[in-house]
């Protein structure tokens, strides 16, 4: 953003949350195959 200051370039950060295709796995607490879930917090 400092480099782009005063230029015609807009610098954009896009935040998307979790990648849907990659998030539903046991490491994230979604063990779909065994129908078991583990969350942190509520």
ModelCIF file with pLDDT and N, C-alpha, C, O atoms, coordinates in Angstrom:
data_MODEL
#
_entry.id   MODEL 
#
_entity.id                         1 
_entity.type                       polymer 
_entity.pdbx_number_of_molecules   1 
#
_entity_poly.entity_id                      1 
_entity_poly.type                           'polypeptide(L)' 
_entity_poly.nstd_linkage                   no 
_entity_poly.nstd_monomer                   no 
_entity_poly.pdbx_seq_one_letter_code       
;(UNK)(UNK)(UNK)(UNK)(UNK)(UNK)(UNK)(UNK)(UNK)(UNK)(UNK)(UNK)(UNK)(UNK)(UNK)(UNK)
(UNK)(UNK)(UNK)(UNK)(UNK)(UNK)(UNK)(UNK)(UNK)(UNK)(UNK)(UNK)(UNK)(UNK)(UNK)(UNK)
(UNK)(UNK)(UNK)(UNK)(UNK)(UNK)(UNK)(UNK)(UNK)(UNK)
;
_entity_poly.pdbx_seq_one_letter_code_can   XXXXXXXXXXXXXXXXXXXXXXXXXXXXXXXXXXXXXXXXXX 
_entity_poly.pdbx_strand_id                 A 
#
loop_
_entity_poly_seq.entity_id 
_entity_poly_seq.num 
_entity_poly_seq.mon_id 
_entity_poly_seq.hetero 
1 1  UNK n 
1 2  UNK n 
1 3  UNK n 
1 4  UNK n 
1 5  UNK n 
1 6  UNK n 
1 7  UNK n 
1 8  UNK n 
1 9  UNK n 
1 10 UNK n 
1 11 UNK n 
1 12 UNK n 
1 13 UNK n 
1 14 UNK n 
1 15 UNK n 
1 16 UNK n 
1 17 UNK n 
1 18 UNK n 
1 19 UNK n 
1 20 UNK n 
1 21 UNK n 
1 22 UNK n 
1 23 UNK n 
1 24 UNK n 
1 25 UNK n 
1 26 UNK n 
1 27 UNK n 
1 28 UNK n 
1 29 UNK n 
1 30 UNK n 
1 31 UNK n 
1 32 UNK n 
1 33 UNK n 
1 34 UNK n 
1 35 UNK n 
1 36 UNK n 
1 37 UNK n 
1 38 UNK n 
1 39 UNK n 
1 40 UNK n 
1 41 UNK n 
1 42 UNK n 
#
_struct_asym.id          A 
_struct_asym.entity_id   1 
#
loop_
_ma_qa_metric.id 
_ma_qa_metric.mode 
_ma_qa_metric.name 
_ma_qa_metric.software_group_id 
_ma_qa_metric.type 
1 global pLDDT . pLDDT 
2 local  pLDDT . pLDDT 
#
_ma_qa_metric_global.metric_id      1 
_ma_qa_metric_global.metric_value   96.67 
_ma_qa_metric_global.model_id       1 
_ma_qa_metric_global.ordinal_id     1 
#
loop_
_ma_qa_metric_local.label_asym_id 
_ma_qa_metric_local.label_comp_id 
_ma_qa_metric_local.label_seq_id 
_ma_qa_metric_local.metric_id 
_ma_qa_metric_local.metric_value 
_ma_qa_metric_local.model_id 
_ma_qa_metric_local.ordinal_id 
A UNK 1  2 98.00 1 1  
A UNK 2  2 98.00 1 2  
A UNK 3  2 97.00 1 3  
A UNK 4  2 98.00 1 4  
A UNK 5  2 97.00 1 5  
A UNK 6  2 97.00 1 6  
A UNK 7  2 97.00 1 7  
A UNK 8  2 96.00 1 8  
A UNK 9  2 98.00 1 9  
A UNK 10 2 98.00 1 10 
A UNK 11 2 98.00 1 11 
A UNK 12 2 98.00 1 12 
A UNK 13 2 98.00 1 13 
A UNK 14 2 98.00 1 14 
A UNK 15 2 98.00 1 15 
A UNK 16 2 98.00 1 16 
A UNK 17 2 97.00 1 17 
A UNK 18 2 98.00 1 18 
A UNK 19 2 97.00 1 19 
A UNK 20 2 96.00 1 20 
A UNK 21 2 94.00 1 21 
A UNK 22 2 94.00 1 22 
A UNK 23 2 95.00 1 23 
A UNK 24 2 94.00 1 24 
A UNK 25 2 94.00 1 25 
A UNK 26 2 96.00 1 26 
A UNK 27 2 95.00 1 27 
A UNK 28 2 96.00 1 28 
A UNK 29 2 97.00 1 29 
A UNK 30 2 97.00 1 30 
A UNK 31 2 96.00 1 31 
A UNK 32 2 95.00 1 32 
A UNK 33 2 94.00 1 33 
A UNK 34 2 96.00 1 34 
A UNK 35 2 96.00 1 35 
A UNK 36 2 97.00 1 36 
A UNK 37 2 98.00 1 37 
A UNK 38 2 98.00 1 38 
A UNK 39 2 97.00 1 39 
A UNK 40 2 97.00 1 40 
A UNK 41 2 97.00 1 41 
A UNK 42 2 97.00 1 42 
#
loop_
_atom_site.group_PDB 
_atom_site.id 
_atom_site.type_symbol 
_atom_site.label_atom_id 
_atom_site.label_alt_id 
_atom_site.label_comp_id 
_atom_site.label_asym_id 
_atom_site.label_entity_id 
_atom_site.label_seq_id 
_atom_site.pdbx_PDB_ins_code 
_atom_site.Cartn_x 
_atom_site.Cartn_y 
_atom_site.Cartn_z 
_atom_site.occupancy 
_atom_site.B_iso_or_equiv 
_atom_site.pdbx_formal_charge 
_atom_site.auth_seq_id 
_atom_site.auth_comp_id 
_atom_site.auth_asym_id 
_atom_site.auth_atom_id 
_atom_site.pdbx_PDB_model_num 
ATOM 1   N N  . UNK A 1 1  ? 0.838   -1.207  0.000   1.00 98.00 ? 1  UNK A N  1 
ATOM 2   C CA . UNK A 1 1  ? 0.000   0.000   0.000   1.00 98.00 ? 1  UNK A CA 1 
ATOM 3   C C  . UNK A 1 1  ? 0.873   1.258   0.000   1.00 98.00 ? 1  UNK A C  1 
ATOM 4   O O  . UNK A 1 1  ? 0.512   2.265   -0.609  1.00 98.00 ? 1  UNK A O  1 
ATOM 5   N N  . UNK A 1 2  ? 1.999   1.201   0.670   1.00 98.00 ? 2  UNK A N  1 
ATOM 6   C CA . UNK A 1 2  ? 2.913   2.345   0.667   1.00 98.00 ? 2  UNK A CA 1 
ATOM 7   C C  . UNK A 1 2  ? 3.498   2.551   -0.732  1.00 98.00 ? 2  UNK A C  1 
ATOM 8   O O  . UNK A 1 2  ? 3.621   3.688   -1.189  1.00 98.00 ? 2  UNK A O  1 
ATOM 9   N N  . UNK A 1 3  ? 3.855   1.468   -1.408  1.00 97.00 ? 3  UNK A N  1 
ATOM 10  C CA . UNK A 1 3  ? 4.367   1.569   -2.775  1.00 97.00 ? 3  UNK A CA 1 
ATOM 11  C C  . UNK A 1 3  ? 3.326   2.165   -3.720  1.00 97.00 ? 3  UNK A C  1 
ATOM 12  O O  . UNK A 1 3  ? 3.659   2.932   -4.624  1.00 97.00 ? 3  UNK A O  1 
ATOM 13  N N  . UNK A 1 4  ? 2.061   1.802   -3.499  1.00 98.00 ? 4  UNK A N  1 
ATOM 14  C CA . UNK A 1 4  ? 0.988   2.234   -4.391  1.00 98.00 ? 4  UNK A CA 1 
ATOM 15  C C  . UNK A 1 4  ? 0.471   3.635   -4.073  1.00 98.00 ? 4  UNK A C  1 
ATOM 16  O O  . UNK A 1 4  ? -0.296  4.207   -4.847  1.00 98.00 ? 4  UNK A O  1 
ATOM 17  N N  . UNK A 1 5  ? 0.886   4.178   -2.947  1.00 97.00 ? 5  UNK A N  1 
ATOM 18  C CA . UNK A 1 5  ? 0.412   5.498   -2.551  1.00 97.00 ? 5  UNK A CA 1 
ATOM 19  C C  . UNK A 1 5  ? 0.778   6.535   -3.626  1.00 97.00 ? 5  UNK A C  1 
ATOM 20  O O  . UNK A 1 5  ? 1.934   6.641   -4.035  1.00 97.00 ? 5  UNK A O  1 
ATOM 21  N N  . UNK A 1 6  ? -0.220  7.284   -4.066  1.00 97.00 ? 6  UNK A N  1 
ATOM 22  C CA . UNK A 1 6  ? 0.013   8.316   -5.072  1.00 97.00 ? 6  UNK A CA 1 
ATOM 23  C C  . UNK A 1 6  ? 0.074   7.798   -6.493  1.00 97.00 ? 6  UNK A C  1 
ATOM 24  O O  . UNK A 1 6  ? 0.327   8.568   -7.420  1.00 97.00 ? 6  UNK A O  1 
ATOM 25  N N  . UNK A 1 7  ? -0.159  6.479   -6.686  1.00 97.00 ? 7  UNK A N  1 
ATOM 26  C CA . UNK A 1 7  ? -0.180  5.906   -8.033  1.00 97.00 ? 7  UNK A CA 1 
ATOM 27  C C  . UNK A 1 7  ? -1.625  5.566   -8.405  1.00 97.00 ? 7  UNK A C  1 
ATOM 28  O O  . UNK A 1 7  ? -2.554  5.824   -7.639  1.00 97.00 ? 7  UNK A O  1 
ATOM 29  N N  . UNK A 1 8  ? -1.793  4.992   -9.575  1.00 96.00 ? 8  UNK A N  1 
ATOM 30  C CA . UNK A 1 8  ? -3.131  4.602   -10.030 1.00 96.00 ? 8  UNK A CA 1 
ATOM 31  C C  . UNK A 1 8  ? -3.474  3.174   -9.652  1.00 96.00 ? 8  UNK A C  1 
ATOM 32  O O  . UNK A 1 8  ? -4.518  2.667   -10.061 1.00 96.00 ? 8  UNK A O  1 
ATOM 33  N N  . UNK A 1 9  ? -2.620  2.511   -8.879  1.00 98.00 ? 9  UNK A N  1 
ATOM 34  C CA . UNK A 1 9  ? -2.845  1.112   -8.501  1.00 98.00 ? 9  UNK A CA 1 
ATOM 35  C C  . UNK A 1 9  ? -3.644  1.010   -7.208  1.00 98.00 ? 9  UNK A C  1 
ATOM 36  O O  . UNK A 1 9  ? -3.270  1.592   -6.190  1.00 98.00 ? 9  UNK A O  1 
ATOM 37  N N  . UNK A 1 10 ? -4.741  0.269   -7.258  1.00 98.00 ? 10 UNK A N  1 
ATOM 38  C CA . UNK A 1 10 ? -5.482  -0.035  -6.039  1.00 98.00 ? 10 UNK A CA 1 
ATOM 39  C C  . UNK A 1 10 ? -5.050  -1.402  -5.530  1.00 98.00 ? 10 UNK A C  1 
ATOM 40  O O  . UNK A 1 10 ? -5.039  -2.376  -6.282  1.00 98.00 ? 10 UNK A O  1 
ATOM 41  N N  . UNK A 1 11 ? -4.698  -1.471  -4.266  1.00 98.00 ? 11 UNK A N  1 
ATOM 42  C CA . UNK A 1 11 ? -4.271  -2.719  -3.633  1.00 98.00 ? 11 UNK A CA 1 
ATOM 43  C C  . UNK A 1 11 ? -5.443  -3.274  -2.831  1.00 98.00 ? 11 UNK A C  1 
ATOM 44  O O  . UNK A 1 11 ? -5.968  -2.606  -1.940  1.00 98.00 ? 11 UNK A O  1 
ATOM 45  N N  . UNK A 1 12 ? -5.844  -4.491  -3.150  1.00 98.00 ? 12 UNK A N  1 
ATOM 46  C CA . UNK A 1 12 ? -7.030  -5.081  -2.530  1.00 98.00 ? 12 UNK A CA 1 
ATOM 47  C C  . UNK A 1 12 ? -6.655  -6.356  -1.778  1.00 98.00 ? 12 UNK A C  1 
ATOM 48  O O  . UNK A 1 12 ? -5.924  -7.203  -2.292  1.00 98.00 ? 12 UNK A O  1 
ATOM 49  N N  . UNK A 1 13 ? -7.165  -6.477  -0.560  1.00 98.00 ? 13 UNK A N  1 
ATOM 50  C CA . UNK A 1 13 ? -7.069  -7.715  0.223   1.00 98.00 ? 13 UNK A CA 1 
ATOM 51  C C  . UNK A 1 13 ? -8.463  -8.320  0.281   1.00 98.00 ? 13 UNK A C  1 
ATOM 52  O O  . UNK A 1 13 ? -9.408  -7.674  0.732   1.00 98.00 ? 13 UNK A O  1 
ATOM 53  N N  . UNK A 1 14 ? -8.589  -9.556  -0.174  1.00 98.00 ? 14 UNK A N  1 
ATOM 54  C CA . UNK A 1 14 ? -9.881  -10.244 -0.161  1.00 98.00 ? 14 UNK A CA 1 
ATOM 55  C C  . UNK A 1 14 ? -9.843  -11.345 0.889   1.00 98.00 ? 14 UNK A C  1 
ATOM 56  O O  . UNK A 1 14 ? -9.030  -12.266 0.807   1.00 98.00 ? 14 UNK A O  1 
ATOM 57  N N  . UNK A 1 15 ? -10.729 -11.244 1.879   1.00 98.00 ? 15 UNK A N  1 
ATOM 58  C CA . UNK A 1 15 ? -10.818 -12.234 2.953   1.00 98.00 ? 15 UNK A CA 1 
ATOM 59  C C  . UNK A 1 15 ? -12.057 -13.089 2.727   1.00 98.00 ? 15 UNK A C  1 
ATOM 60  O O  . UNK A 1 15 ? -13.154 -12.568 2.525   1.00 98.00 ? 15 UNK A O  1 
ATOM 61  N N  . UNK A 1 16 ? -11.874 -14.403 2.764   1.00 98.00 ? 16 UNK A N  1 
ATOM 62  C CA . UNK A 1 16 ? -12.936 -15.317 2.328   1.00 98.00 ? 16 UNK A CA 1 
ATOM 63  C C  . UNK A 1 16 ? -13.367 -16.316 3.390   1.00 98.00 ? 16 UNK A C  1 
ATOM 64  O O  . UNK A 1 16 ? -14.238 -17.147 3.136   1.00 98.00 ? 16 UNK A O  1 
ATOM 65  N N  . UNK A 1 17 ? -12.769 -16.249 4.578   1.00 97.00 ? 17 UNK A N  1 
ATOM 66  C CA . UNK A 1 17 ? -13.037 -17.288 5.561   1.00 97.00 ? 17 UNK A CA 1 
ATOM 67  C C  . UNK A 1 17 ? -12.323 -18.568 5.167   1.00 97.00 ? 17 UNK A C  1 
ATOM 68  O O  . UNK A 1 17 ? -11.275 -18.525 4.522   1.00 97.00 ? 17 UNK A O  1 
ATOM 69  N N  . UNK A 1 18 ? -12.886 -19.710 5.552   1.00 98.00 ? 18 UNK A N  1 
ATOM 70  C CA . UNK A 1 18 ? -12.281 -21.003 5.239   1.00 98.00 ? 18 UNK A CA 1 
ATOM 71  C C  . UNK A 1 18 ? -12.619 -21.435 3.820   1.00 98.00 ? 18 UNK A C  1 
ATOM 72  O O  . UNK A 1 18 ? -13.714 -21.162 3.328   1.00 98.00 ? 18 UNK A O  1 
ATOM 73  N N  . UNK A 1 19 ? -11.679 -22.111 3.159   1.00 97.00 ? 19 UNK A N  1 
ATOM 74  C CA . UNK A 1 19 ? -11.960 -22.683 1.839   1.00 97.00 ? 19 UNK A CA 1 
ATOM 75  C C  . UNK A 1 19 ? -12.919 -23.856 2.034   1.00 97.00 ? 19 UNK A C  1 
ATOM 76  O O  . UNK A 1 19 ? -12.607 -24.811 2.745   1.00 97.00 ? 19 UNK A O  1 
ATOM 77  N N  . UNK A 1 20 ? -14.075 -23.776 1.403   1.00 96.00 ? 20 UNK A N  1 
ATOM 78  C CA . UNK A 1 20 ? -15.118 -24.783 1.607   1.00 96.00 ? 20 UNK A CA 1 
ATOM 79  C C  . UNK A 1 20 ? -14.606 -26.191 1.308   1.00 96.00 ? 20 UNK A C  1 
ATOM 80  O O  . UNK A 1 20 ? -14.860 -27.121 2.073   1.00 96.00 ? 20 UNK A O  1 
ATOM 81  N N  . UNK A 1 21 ? -13.886 -26.348 0.198   1.00 94.00 ? 21 UNK A N  1 
ATOM 82  C CA . UNK A 1 21 ? -13.457 -27.674 -0.233  1.00 94.00 ? 21 UNK A CA 1 
ATOM 83  C C  . UNK A 1 21 ? -12.385 -28.279 0.670   1.00 94.00 ? 21 UNK A C  1 
ATOM 84  O O  . UNK A 1 21 ? -12.191 -29.494 0.674   1.00 94.00 ? 21 UNK A O  1 
ATOM 85  N N  . UNK A 1 22 ? -11.692 -27.439 1.431   1.00 94.00 ? 22 UNK A N  1 
ATOM 86  C CA . UNK A 1 22 ? -10.576 -27.921 2.248   1.00 94.00 ? 22 UNK A CA 1 
ATOM 87  C C  . UNK A 1 22 ? -10.878 -27.956 3.736   1.00 94.00 ? 22 UNK A C  1 
ATOM 88  O O  . UNK A 1 22 ? -10.170 -28.622 4.491   1.00 94.00 ? 22 UNK A O  1 
ATOM 89  N N  . UNK A 1 23 ? -11.914 -27.251 4.172   1.00 95.00 ? 23 UNK A N  1 
ATOM 90  C CA . UNK A 1 23 ? -12.144 -27.059 5.606   1.00 95.00 ? 23 UNK A CA 1 
ATOM 91  C C  . UNK A 1 23 ? -12.831 -28.233 6.288   1.00 95.00 ? 23 UNK A C  1 
ATOM 92  O O  . UNK A 1 23 ? -12.604 -28.484 7.472   1.00 95.00 ? 23 UNK A O  1 
ATOM 93  N N  . UNK A 1 24 ? -13.664 -28.948 5.555   1.00 94.00 ? 24 UNK A N  1 
ATOM 94  C CA . UNK A 1 24 ? -14.447 -30.010 6.191   1.00 94.00 ? 24 UNK A CA 1 
ATOM 95  C C  . UNK A 1 24 ? -13.612 -31.274 6.312   1.00 94.00 ? 24 UNK A C  1 
ATOM 96  O O  . UNK A 1 24 ? -13.822 -32.249 5.591   1.00 94.00 ? 24 UNK A O  1 
ATOM 97  N N  . UNK A 1 25 ? -12.660 -31.237 7.238   1.00 94.00 ? 25 UNK A N  1 
ATOM 98  C CA . UNK A 1 25 ? -11.780 -32.375 7.455   1.00 94.00 ? 25 UNK A CA 1 
ATOM 99  C C  . UNK A 1 25 ? -11.547 -32.555 8.951   1.00 94.00 ? 25 UNK A C  1 
ATOM 100 O O  . UNK A 1 25 ? -11.813 -31.640 9.730   1.00 94.00 ? 25 UNK A O  1 
ATOM 101 N N  . UNK A 1 26 ? -11.052 -33.725 9.363   1.00 96.00 ? 26 UNK A N  1 
ATOM 102 C CA . UNK A 1 26 ? -10.877 -33.986 10.806  1.00 96.00 ? 26 UNK A CA 1 
ATOM 103 C C  . UNK A 1 26 ? -9.955  -32.996 11.504  1.00 96.00 ? 26 UNK A C  1 
ATOM 104 O O  . UNK A 1 26 ? -10.136 -32.722 12.690  1.00 96.00 ? 26 UNK A O  1 
ATOM 105 N N  . UNK A 1 27 ? -8.959  -32.447 10.785  1.00 95.00 ? 27 UNK A N  1 
ATOM 106 C CA . UNK A 1 27 ? -8.050  -31.492 11.422  1.00 95.00 ? 27 UNK A CA 1 
ATOM 107 C C  . UNK A 1 27 ? -8.788  -30.250 11.916  1.00 95.00 ? 27 UNK A C  1 
ATOM 108 O O  . UNK A 1 27 ? -8.394  -29.630 12.904  1.00 95.00 ? 27 UNK A O  1 
ATOM 109 N N  . UNK A 1 28 ? -9.870  -29.896 11.210  1.00 96.00 ? 28 UNK A N  1 
ATOM 110 C CA . UNK A 1 28 ? -10.664 -28.737 11.601  1.00 96.00 ? 28 UNK A CA 1 
ATOM 111 C C  . UNK A 1 28 ? -11.845 -29.127 12.484  1.00 96.00 ? 28 UNK A C  1 
ATOM 112 O O  . UNK A 1 28 ? -12.672 -28.284 12.834  1.00 96.00 ? 28 UNK A O  1 
ATOM 113 N N  . UNK A 1 29 ? -11.920 -30.405 12.842  1.00 97.00 ? 29 UNK A N  1 
ATOM 114 C CA . UNK A 1 29 ? -12.996 -30.870 13.723  1.00 97.00 ? 29 UNK A CA 1 
ATOM 115 C C  . UNK A 1 29 ? -14.216 -31.370 12.991  1.00 97.00 ? 29 UNK A C  1 
ATOM 116 O O  . UNK A 1 29 ? -15.262 -31.565 13.608  1.00 97.00 ? 29 UNK A O  1 
ATOM 117 N N  . UNK A 1 30 ? -14.115 -31.583 11.694  1.00 97.00 ? 30 UNK A N  1 
ATOM 118 C CA . UNK A 1 30 ? -15.240 -32.099 10.909  1.00 97.00 ? 30 UNK A CA 1 
ATOM 119 C C  . UNK A 1 30 ? -14.871 -33.477 10.361  1.00 97.00 ? 30 UNK A C  1 
ATOM 120 O O  . UNK A 1 30 ? -14.353 -33.585 9.250   1.00 97.00 ? 30 UNK A O  1 
ATOM 121 N N  . UNK A 1 31 ? -15.136 -34.524 11.136  1.00 96.00 ? 31 UNK A N  1 
ATOM 122 C CA . UNK A 1 31 ? -14.860 -35.888 10.686  1.00 96.00 ? 31 UNK A CA 1 
ATOM 123 C C  . UNK A 1 31 ? -16.130 -36.430 10.037  1.00 96.00 ? 31 UNK A C  1 
ATOM 124 O O  . UNK A 1 31 ? -16.893 -37.173 10.654  1.00 96.00 ? 31 UNK A O  1 
ATOM 125 N N  . UNK A 1 32 ? -16.339 -36.044 8.788   1.00 95.00 ? 32 UNK A N  1 
ATOM 126 C CA . UNK A 1 32 ? -17.578 -36.378 8.086   1.00 95.00 ? 32 UNK A CA 1 
ATOM 127 C C  . UNK A 1 32 ? -17.732 -37.892 7.946   1.00 95.00 ? 32 UNK A C  1 
ATOM 128 O O  . UNK A 1 32 ? -18.822 -38.435 8.131   1.00 95.00 ? 32 UNK A O  1 
ATOM 129 N N  . UNK A 1 33 ? -16.632 -38.565 7.619   1.00 94.00 ? 33 UNK A N  1 
ATOM 130 C CA . UNK A 1 33 ? -16.700 -40.009 7.377   1.00 94.00 ? 33 UNK A CA 1 
ATOM 131 C C  . UNK A 1 33 ? -17.198 -40.759 8.600   1.00 94.00 ? 33 UNK A C  1 
ATOM 132 O O  . UNK A 1 33 ? -17.971 -41.710 8.476   1.00 94.00 ? 33 UNK A O  1 
ATOM 133 N N  . UNK A 1 34 ? -16.762 -40.340 9.775   1.00 96.00 ? 34 UNK A N  1 
ATOM 134 C CA . UNK A 1 34 ? -17.172 -41.021 11.004  1.00 96.00 ? 34 UNK A CA 1 
ATOM 135 C C  . UNK A 1 34 ? -18.303 -40.304 11.731  1.00 96.00 ? 34 UNK A C  1 
ATOM 136 O O  . UNK A 1 34 ? -18.693 -40.705 12.828  1.00 96.00 ? 34 UNK A O  1 
ATOM 137 N N  . UNK A 1 35 ? -18.832 -39.241 11.117  1.00 96.00 ? 35 UNK A N  1 
ATOM 138 C CA . UNK A 1 35 ? -19.975 -38.517 11.679  1.00 96.00 ? 35 UNK A CA 1 
ATOM 139 C C  . UNK A 1 35 ? -19.684 -38.049 13.099  1.00 96.00 ? 35 UNK A C  1 
ATOM 140 O O  . UNK A 1 35 ? -20.510 -38.180 14.002  1.00 96.00 ? 35 UNK A O  1 
ATOM 141 N N  . UNK A 1 36 ? -18.473 -37.493 13.272  1.00 97.00 ? 36 UNK A N  1 
ATOM 142 C CA . UNK A 1 36 ? -18.056 -37.013 14.589  1.00 97.00 ? 36 UNK A CA 1 
ATOM 143 C C  . UNK A 1 36 ? -17.450 -35.621 14.436  1.00 97.00 ? 36 UNK A C  1 
ATOM 144 O O  . UNK A 1 36 ? -16.787 -35.329 13.441  1.00 97.00 ? 36 UNK A O  1 
ATOM 145 N N  . UNK A 1 37 ? -17.686 -34.761 15.436  1.00 98.00 ? 37 UNK A N  1 
ATOM 146 C CA . UNK A 1 37 ? -17.302 -33.357 15.306  1.00 98.00 ? 37 UNK A CA 1 
ATOM 147 C C  . UNK A 1 37 ? -16.678 -32.877 16.610  1.00 98.00 ? 37 UNK A C  1 
ATOM 148 O O  . UNK A 1 37 ? -17.103 -33.256 17.702  1.00 98.00 ? 37 UNK A O  1 
ATOM 149 N N  . UNK A 1 38 ? -15.661 -32.036 16.467  1.00 98.00 ? 38 UNK A N  1 
ATOM 150 C CA . UNK A 1 38 ? -14.993 -31.466 17.636  1.00 98.00 ? 38 UNK A CA 1 
ATOM 151 C C  . UNK A 1 38 ? -14.776 -29.985 17.392  1.00 98.00 ? 38 UNK A C  1 
ATOM 152 O O  . UNK A 1 38 ? -14.030 -29.604 16.489  1.00 98.00 ? 38 UNK A O  1 
ATOM 153 N N  . UNK A 1 39 ? -15.415 -29.157 18.182  1.00 97.00 ? 39 UNK A N  1 
ATOM 154 C CA . UNK A 1 39 ? -15.269 -27.716 18.035  1.00 97.00 ? 39 UNK A CA 1 
ATOM 155 C C  . UNK A 1 39 ? -14.471 -27.156 19.206  1.00 97.00 ? 39 UNK A C  1 
ATOM 156 O O  . UNK A 1 39 ? -14.282 -27.820 20.225  1.00 97.00 ? 39 UNK A O  1 
ATOM 157 N N  . UNK A 1 40 ? -14.015 -25.940 19.039  1.00 97.00 ? 40 UNK A N  1 
ATOM 158 C CA . UNK A 1 40 ? -13.379 -25.201 20.126  1.00 97.00 ? 40 UNK A CA 1 
ATOM 159 C C  . UNK A 1 40 ? -14.334 -24.073 20.489  1.00 97.00 ? 40 UNK A C  1 
ATOM 160 O O  . UNK A 1 40 ? -14.612 -23.198 19.669  1.00 97.00 ? 40 UNK A O  1 
ATOM 161 N N  . UNK A 1 41 ? -14.835 -24.096 21.722  1.00 97.00 ? 41 UNK A N  1 
ATOM 162 C CA . UNK A 1 41 ? -15.868 -23.138 22.085  1.00 97.00 ? 41 UNK A CA 1 
ATOM 163 C C  . UNK A 1 41 ? -17.242 -23.693 21.764  1.00 97.00 ? 41 UNK A C  1 
ATOM 164 O O  . UNK A 1 41 ? -17.393 -24.903 21.594  1.00 97.00 ? 41 UNK A O  1 
ATOM 165 N N  . UNK A 1 42 ? -18.239 -22.842 21.679  1.00 97.00 ? 42 UNK A N  1 
ATOM 166 C CA . UNK A 1 42 ? -19.620 -23.310 21.504  1.00 97.00 ? 42 UNK A CA 1 
ATOM 167 C C  . UNK A 1 42 ? -19.878 -23.878 20.108  1.00 97.00 ? 42 UNK A C  1 
ATOM 168 O O  . UNK A 1 42 ? -20.993 -24.310 19.814  1.00 97.00 ? 42 UNK A O  1 
#
